[in-house]
Protein backbone atom coordinates (compact mmCIF):
# COMPACT_ATOMS: atom_id res chain seq x y z
CA UNK A 1 41.67 -69.43 30.61
CA UNK A 2 40.44 -65.95 31.41
CA UNK A 3 41.83 -62.71 29.91
CA UNK A 4 42.57 -59.76 32.16
CA UNK A 5 40.31 -56.70 31.29
CA UNK A 6 43.09 -54.22 32.52
CA UNK A 7 46.69 -55.50 30.12
CA UNK A 8 44.56 -58.17 28.04
CA UNK A 9 46.78 -61.44 29.50
CA UNK A 10 45.79 -64.61 29.45
CA UNK A 11 45.44 -65.98 32.70
CA UNK A 12 44.87 -69.55 34.07
CA UNK A 13 43.88 -68.59 37.51
CA UNK A 14 42.02 -64.68 37.30
CA UNK A 15 41.01 -62.85 39.98
CA UNK A 16 37.98 -61.25 39.81
CA UNK A 17 37.32 -57.37 42.00
CA UNK A 18 35.17 -57.71 44.59
CA UNK A 19 34.59 -53.62 43.86
CA UNK A 20 33.89 -53.55 40.18
CA UNK A 21 33.32 -56.93 39.05
CA UNK A 22 35.75 -57.09 36.17
CA UNK A 23 38.69 -60.09 35.71
CA UNK A 24 41.91 -59.31 36.48
CA UNK A 25 45.85 -60.85 36.66
CA UNK A 26 47.99 -61.12 39.58
CA UNK A 27 49.70 -58.13 38.78
CA UNK A 28 46.35 -56.10 38.34
CA UNK A 29 44.10 -57.78 41.14
CA UNK A 30 44.21 -55.43 43.65
CA UNK A 31 42.02 -52.58 43.10
CA UNK A 32 44.68 -49.69 42.68
CA UNK A 33 46.40 -51.13 40.39
CA UNK A 34 43.48 -51.39 37.68
CA UNK A 35 41.92 -47.84 38.41
CA UNK A 36 39.01 -49.90 40.21
CA UNK A 37 35.84 -46.96 40.63
CA UNK A 38 35.07 -48.29 43.80
CA UNK A 39 38.28 -47.05 45.58
CA UNK A 40 36.17 -43.34 45.49
CA UNK A 41 34.31 -45.11 47.51
CA UNK A 42 36.56 -47.02 49.90
CA UNK A 43 36.18 -46.40 53.83
CA UNK A 44 37.66 -50.10 55.32
CA UNK A 45 35.76 -52.51 53.67
CA UNK A 46 35.16 -55.01 55.44
CA UNK A 47 36.67 -53.58 58.78
CA UNK A 48 40.08 -53.94 57.65
CA UNK A 49 41.52 -52.09 60.32
CA UNK A 50 38.47 -53.18 63.20
CA UNK A 51 40.52 -54.00 66.31
CA UNK A 52 37.24 -56.10 67.04
CA UNK A 53 37.19 -54.44 70.75
CA UNK A 54 35.26 -51.16 69.97
CA UNK A 55 31.57 -51.45 69.14
CA UNK A 56 31.00 -48.31 66.99
CA UNK A 57 33.69 -49.88 64.97
CA UNK A 58 32.29 -53.41 65.04
CA UNK A 59 28.70 -52.07 64.20
CA UNK A 60 30.15 -49.76 60.87
CA UNK A 61 32.29 -53.21 60.13
CA UNK A 62 29.31 -54.99 60.00
CA UNK A 63 27.19 -52.58 58.05
CA UNK A 64 29.74 -52.95 55.37
CA UNK A 65 30.29 -56.13 55.20
CA UNK A 66 26.49 -56.83 54.80
CA UNK A 67 26.85 -54.39 51.89
CA UNK A 68 30.02 -56.26 50.37
CA UNK A 69 27.52 -59.31 50.71
CA UNK A 70 24.68 -58.17 48.76
CA UNK A 71 26.91 -56.28 46.16
CA UNK A 72 30.14 -58.18 45.96
CA UNK A 73 30.95 -60.62 43.34
CA UNK A 74 28.81 -63.82 44.22
CA UNK A 75 26.00 -61.23 46.09
CA UNK A 76 22.50 -60.91 45.82
CA UNK A 77 22.86 -58.21 44.30
CA UNK A 78 26.91 -58.23 42.55
CA UNK A 79 25.68 -58.81 39.19
CA UNK A 80 24.80 -55.17 38.73
CA UNK A 81 28.24 -53.67 40.32
CA UNK A 82 29.73 -52.60 36.33
CA UNK A 83 26.30 -53.65 34.72
CA UNK A 84 23.95 -51.17 35.53
CA UNK A 85 24.61 -49.54 31.64
CA UNK A 86 23.59 -53.12 30.49
CA UNK A 87 20.62 -53.47 33.67
CA UNK A 88 19.42 -50.11 31.73
CA UNK A 89 19.37 -51.45 28.68
CA UNK A 90 17.71 -54.14 29.52
CA UNK A 91 14.74 -52.31 31.33
CA UNK A 92 13.80 -50.34 28.22
CA UNK A 93 13.38 -53.36 25.78
CA UNK A 94 10.96 -54.59 29.03
CA UNK A 95 9.35 -51.29 29.65
CA UNK A 96 8.75 -50.66 25.46
CA UNK A 97 7.17 -54.63 25.71
CA UNK A 98 4.95 -53.45 28.34
CA UNK A 99 3.96 -50.39 26.92
CA UNK A 100 2.20 -52.27 24.21
CA UNK A 101 0.81 -54.96 26.56
CA UNK A 102 -0.92 -51.79 28.82
CA UNK A 103 -1.45 -49.93 25.28
CA UNK A 104 -3.38 -53.40 23.76
CA UNK A 105 -5.06 -53.77 27.45
CA UNK A 106 -6.24 -51.03 29.60
CA UNK A 107 -6.23 -48.59 26.30
CA UNK A 108 -3.99 -45.18 25.24
CA UNK A 109 -5.47 -43.24 28.63
CA UNK A 110 -3.61 -45.86 30.82
CA UNK A 111 -0.67 -45.77 28.90
CA UNK A 112 -0.55 -42.31 28.79
CA UNK A 113 -1.17 -42.28 33.12
CA UNK A 114 1.69 -44.91 33.31
CA UNK A 115 4.74 -44.32 31.41
CA UNK A 116 4.12 -40.42 30.31
CA UNK A 117 5.60 -37.57 31.95
CA UNK A 118 3.06 -34.87 30.72
CA UNK A 119 2.28 -31.03 31.67
CA UNK A 120 -1.43 -32.44 32.75
CA UNK A 121 -0.24 -34.70 35.06
CA UNK A 122 3.58 -33.33 36.20
CA UNK A 123 2.75 -34.94 40.07
CA UNK A 124 2.47 -38.47 38.90
CA UNK A 125 6.13 -38.93 40.87
CA UNK A 126 6.29 -42.42 39.06
CA UNK A 127 6.28 -40.90 35.65
CA UNK A 128 9.21 -38.87 36.19
CA UNK A 129 11.19 -42.21 36.58
CA UNK A 130 9.35 -44.56 33.88
CA UNK A 131 9.78 -42.14 31.14
CA UNK A 132 12.88 -42.17 31.06
CA UNK A 133 12.73 -45.54 29.89
CA UNK A 134 9.44 -45.54 28.07
CA UNK A 135 9.89 -45.05 24.40
CA UNK A 136 7.37 -43.97 21.44
CA UNK A 137 5.78 -47.03 20.24
CA UNK A 138 5.38 -46.25 17.24
CA UNK A 139 8.88 -44.66 15.91
CA UNK A 140 11.27 -47.84 16.27
CA UNK A 141 14.09 -45.64 15.54
CA UNK A 142 13.63 -44.17 19.24
CA UNK A 143 14.42 -46.80 21.29
CA UNK A 144 16.76 -48.44 18.89
CA UNK A 145 19.17 -45.20 18.85
CA UNK A 146 18.96 -44.54 22.07
CA UNK A 147 19.68 -48.18 23.00
CA UNK A 148 23.06 -48.44 20.72
CA UNK A 149 24.79 -45.19 22.73
CA UNK A 150 23.75 -47.09 25.43
CA UNK A 151 25.05 -50.16 24.62
CA UNK A 152 28.29 -48.39 23.24
CA UNK A 153 29.38 -45.70 25.46
CA UNK A 154 27.21 -46.61 29.01
CA UNK A 155 29.98 -48.78 30.21
CA UNK A 156 32.53 -46.63 29.33
CA UNK A 157 31.42 -43.84 31.65
CA UNK A 158 30.40 -46.22 34.52
CA UNK A 159 33.69 -47.90 34.49
CA UNK A 160 35.15 -44.16 34.95
CA UNK A 161 33.11 -42.92 37.72
CA UNK A 162 31.34 -46.60 39.12
CA UNK A 163 28.05 -47.92 39.12
CA UNK A 164 26.88 -46.06 41.61
CA UNK A 165 27.09 -42.61 40.51
CA UNK A 166 26.64 -43.74 36.97
CA UNK A 167 23.02 -44.85 38.46
CA UNK A 168 22.39 -41.16 39.96
CA UNK A 169 23.55 -39.70 36.48
CA UNK A 170 21.51 -41.55 34.65
CA UNK A 171 17.97 -41.26 36.86
CA UNK A 172 18.92 -37.53 37.66
CA UNK A 173 19.96 -36.19 34.38
CA UNK A 174 16.63 -38.33 32.29
CA UNK A 175 14.52 -36.78 35.70
CA UNK A 176 16.27 -33.01 35.00
CA UNK A 177 15.62 -33.51 31.28
CA UNK A 178 11.93 -34.33 31.41
CA UNK A 179 10.77 -32.08 34.18
CA UNK A 180 12.52 -28.79 32.06
CA UNK A 181 11.27 -29.93 29.16
CA UNK A 182 7.19 -29.70 30.34
CA UNK A 183 8.51 -26.60 32.61
CA UNK A 184 9.76 -24.93 29.87
CA UNK A 185 6.58 -26.35 27.68
CA UNK A 186 4.11 -25.02 30.19
CA UNK A 187 6.03 -21.56 30.49
CA UNK A 188 6.41 -20.63 26.81
CA UNK A 189 2.86 -22.28 25.22
CA UNK A 190 0.33 -22.02 28.48
CA UNK A 191 -2.55 -24.46 27.96
CA UNK A 192 -0.98 -26.38 25.09
CA UNK A 193 -0.13 -30.14 26.48
CA UNK A 194 3.25 -30.88 27.09
CA UNK A 195 4.83 -34.26 27.23
CA UNK A 196 8.51 -36.10 26.68
CA UNK A 197 9.31 -39.77 27.35
CA UNK A 198 12.61 -41.76 26.29
CA UNK A 199 15.78 -42.14 28.03
CA UNK A 200 17.35 -39.11 25.31
CA UNK A 201 17.97 -36.89 28.25
CA UNK A 202 20.10 -39.25 30.43
CA UNK A 203 22.19 -40.70 26.80
CA UNK A 204 23.22 -37.37 26.24
CA UNK A 205 24.16 -36.81 29.63
CA UNK A 206 26.43 -39.67 28.75
CA UNK A 207 27.70 -38.71 25.76
CA UNK A 208 28.38 -34.80 27.56
CA UNK A 209 30.62 -36.70 30.14
CA UNK A 210 32.54 -38.89 27.53
CA UNK A 211 33.01 -35.49 25.57
CA UNK A 212 34.68 -33.60 28.47
CA UNK A 213 36.59 -36.80 29.13
CA UNK A 214 37.44 -37.51 25.78
CA UNK A 215 37.05 -35.02 23.18
CA UNK A 216 38.87 -36.48 20.14
CA UNK A 217 37.13 -39.92 20.83
CA UNK A 218 36.13 -40.92 17.25
CA UNK A 219 32.13 -42.54 16.25
CA UNK A 220 31.49 -43.44 13.36
CA UNK A 221 28.05 -41.11 11.88
CA UNK A 222 25.59 -43.60 10.13
CA UNK A 223 28.01 -46.50 10.69
CA UNK A 224 30.32 -45.17 8.25
CA UNK A 225 31.66 -41.64 8.35
CA UNK A 226 34.33 -40.79 11.53
CA UNK A 227 34.52 -37.74 13.01
CA UNK A 228 35.66 -36.69 16.89
CA UNK A 229 32.86 -36.94 19.28
CA UNK A 230 33.65 -33.38 19.94
CA UNK A 231 32.40 -32.58 17.22
CA UNK A 232 29.30 -34.47 17.18
CA UNK A 233 28.30 -32.83 20.47
CA UNK A 234 28.81 -29.40 18.90
CA UNK A 235 26.63 -30.29 15.92
CA UNK A 236 23.72 -31.95 17.65
CA UNK A 237 23.77 -28.66 20.07
CA UNK A 238 23.49 -26.27 17.56
CA UNK A 239 20.69 -28.50 16.00
CA UNK A 240 18.74 -28.99 18.63
CA UNK A 241 18.70 -25.10 19.31
CA UNK A 242 18.05 -24.17 16.48
CA UNK A 243 14.82 -26.71 16.47
CA UNK A 244 13.83 -25.89 19.76
CA UNK A 245 13.82 -22.33 18.64
CA UNK A 246 11.02 -23.11 15.90
CA UNK A 247 7.51 -22.57 16.86
CA UNK A 248 6.03 -25.22 18.73
CA UNK A 249 8.87 -26.85 19.19
CA UNK A 250 7.75 -26.83 23.21
CA UNK A 251 4.64 -28.48 22.55
CA UNK A 252 4.08 -31.86 23.19
CA UNK A 253 5.47 -33.61 20.09
CA UNK A 254 8.06 -30.84 19.79
CA UNK A 255 9.40 -30.17 16.50
CA UNK A 256 9.46 -33.25 14.17
CA UNK A 257 8.35 -35.17 17.52
CA UNK A 258 11.60 -34.73 19.22
CA UNK A 259 12.33 -33.24 23.31
CA UNK A 260 14.92 -31.20 21.86
CA UNK A 261 15.36 -28.71 25.07
CA UNK A 262 15.51 -32.26 26.97
CA UNK A 263 18.45 -33.14 25.01
CA UNK A 264 20.31 -30.04 25.69
CA UNK A 265 19.49 -30.46 29.21
CA UNK A 266 20.92 -33.91 29.62
CA UNK A 267 23.86 -32.47 27.50
CA UNK A 268 24.45 -29.91 29.72
CA UNK A 269 24.49 -31.74 32.94
CA UNK A 270 26.74 -34.29 31.76
CA UNK A 271 28.94 -31.51 30.17
CA UNK A 272 28.97 -30.23 33.66
CA UNK A 273 29.44 -33.27 35.37
CA UNK A 274 32.56 -34.06 33.16
CA UNK A 275 34.05 -31.56 34.18
CA UNK A 276 34.05 -32.23 37.56
CA UNK A 277 35.01 -35.56 37.42
CA UNK A 278 37.46 -34.94 34.99
CA UNK A 279 41.10 -36.46 35.64
CA UNK A 280 40.74 -39.02 38.56
CA UNK A 281 42.03 -41.85 37.17
CA UNK A 282 43.59 -42.59 34.26
CA UNK A 283 41.52 -42.35 30.13
CA UNK A 284 42.25 -44.89 27.82
CA UNK A 285 42.79 -43.30 24.58
CA UNK A 286 40.77 -45.59 21.98
CA UNK A 287 37.88 -48.02 21.98
CA UNK A 288 38.11 -51.00 20.53
CA UNK A 289 35.91 -53.90 20.96
CA UNK A 290 36.87 -57.10 21.53
CA UNK A 291 39.91 -59.19 20.42
CA UNK A 292 43.05 -57.97 22.34
CA UNK A 293 45.87 -55.93 20.35
CA UNK A 294 46.68 -52.44 20.84
CA UNK A 295 45.38 -51.60 24.78
CA UNK A 296 43.71 -54.81 25.03
CA UNK A 297 40.39 -56.61 25.44
CA UNK A 298 37.02 -55.19 26.19
CA UNK A 299 35.16 -51.96 25.78
CA UNK A 300 37.71 -49.00 26.15
CA UNK A 301 37.99 -45.09 25.53
């Protein structure tokens, strides 16, 4: 017996959506009945309107059919549909382990060349991506803090905008935040080495999207103090601006070892993107973790 991700009803014969990979009862099994993110990308899936006589339609249907088999439920890439937030979370911890392996076997120089986006080597294009998943080797809180936010809030944004757009948001904001940080460092403090690593830019893009979609969502500061998300975002933005304006904040370690400008860029990207997609579908009014009650099971706004 499974539970419907939309209404919480127990279902003996559940249906799994090929577009988002979630489980539903008979009433909510159709994509339009559970506000499926895949609806925005639906372009005659599997050739529904194919007459079978037009070669151009056949070719389109064939290519879409291949993609459906790859990314649909049971496909080779089917797991990643609806699970990119958790995939990125896993990649962060795999990368963290690789950082130590590289450091212990090849040394610090190899570590920086592979994982860190720096002003010395800004055209090491692989570091535009690897720096997003890499984190400080000596500050365990760096990766733990980003992991907590990604685990709880990443799936919410992914469910709202879809896995493909979530992937582009995460990687795009992470790269832009890192490049902006080293760029402003080179501009404000020429000759001072500047570098950045970590998923914080992408994480705050996620928070920015959520702030626009549901500003009154309660979060617990230090797991104890309930505050609305908009207040946390406002306070964070203010602190980041203050710390960034401190002398030396644009350098390689930043103020207190934090790349505040990268955080700000990520947040701005998230706020802008959240405004763009706001209102496209229903936004749940609360966040619950597991159990039935109220808004049903699963993670919800």
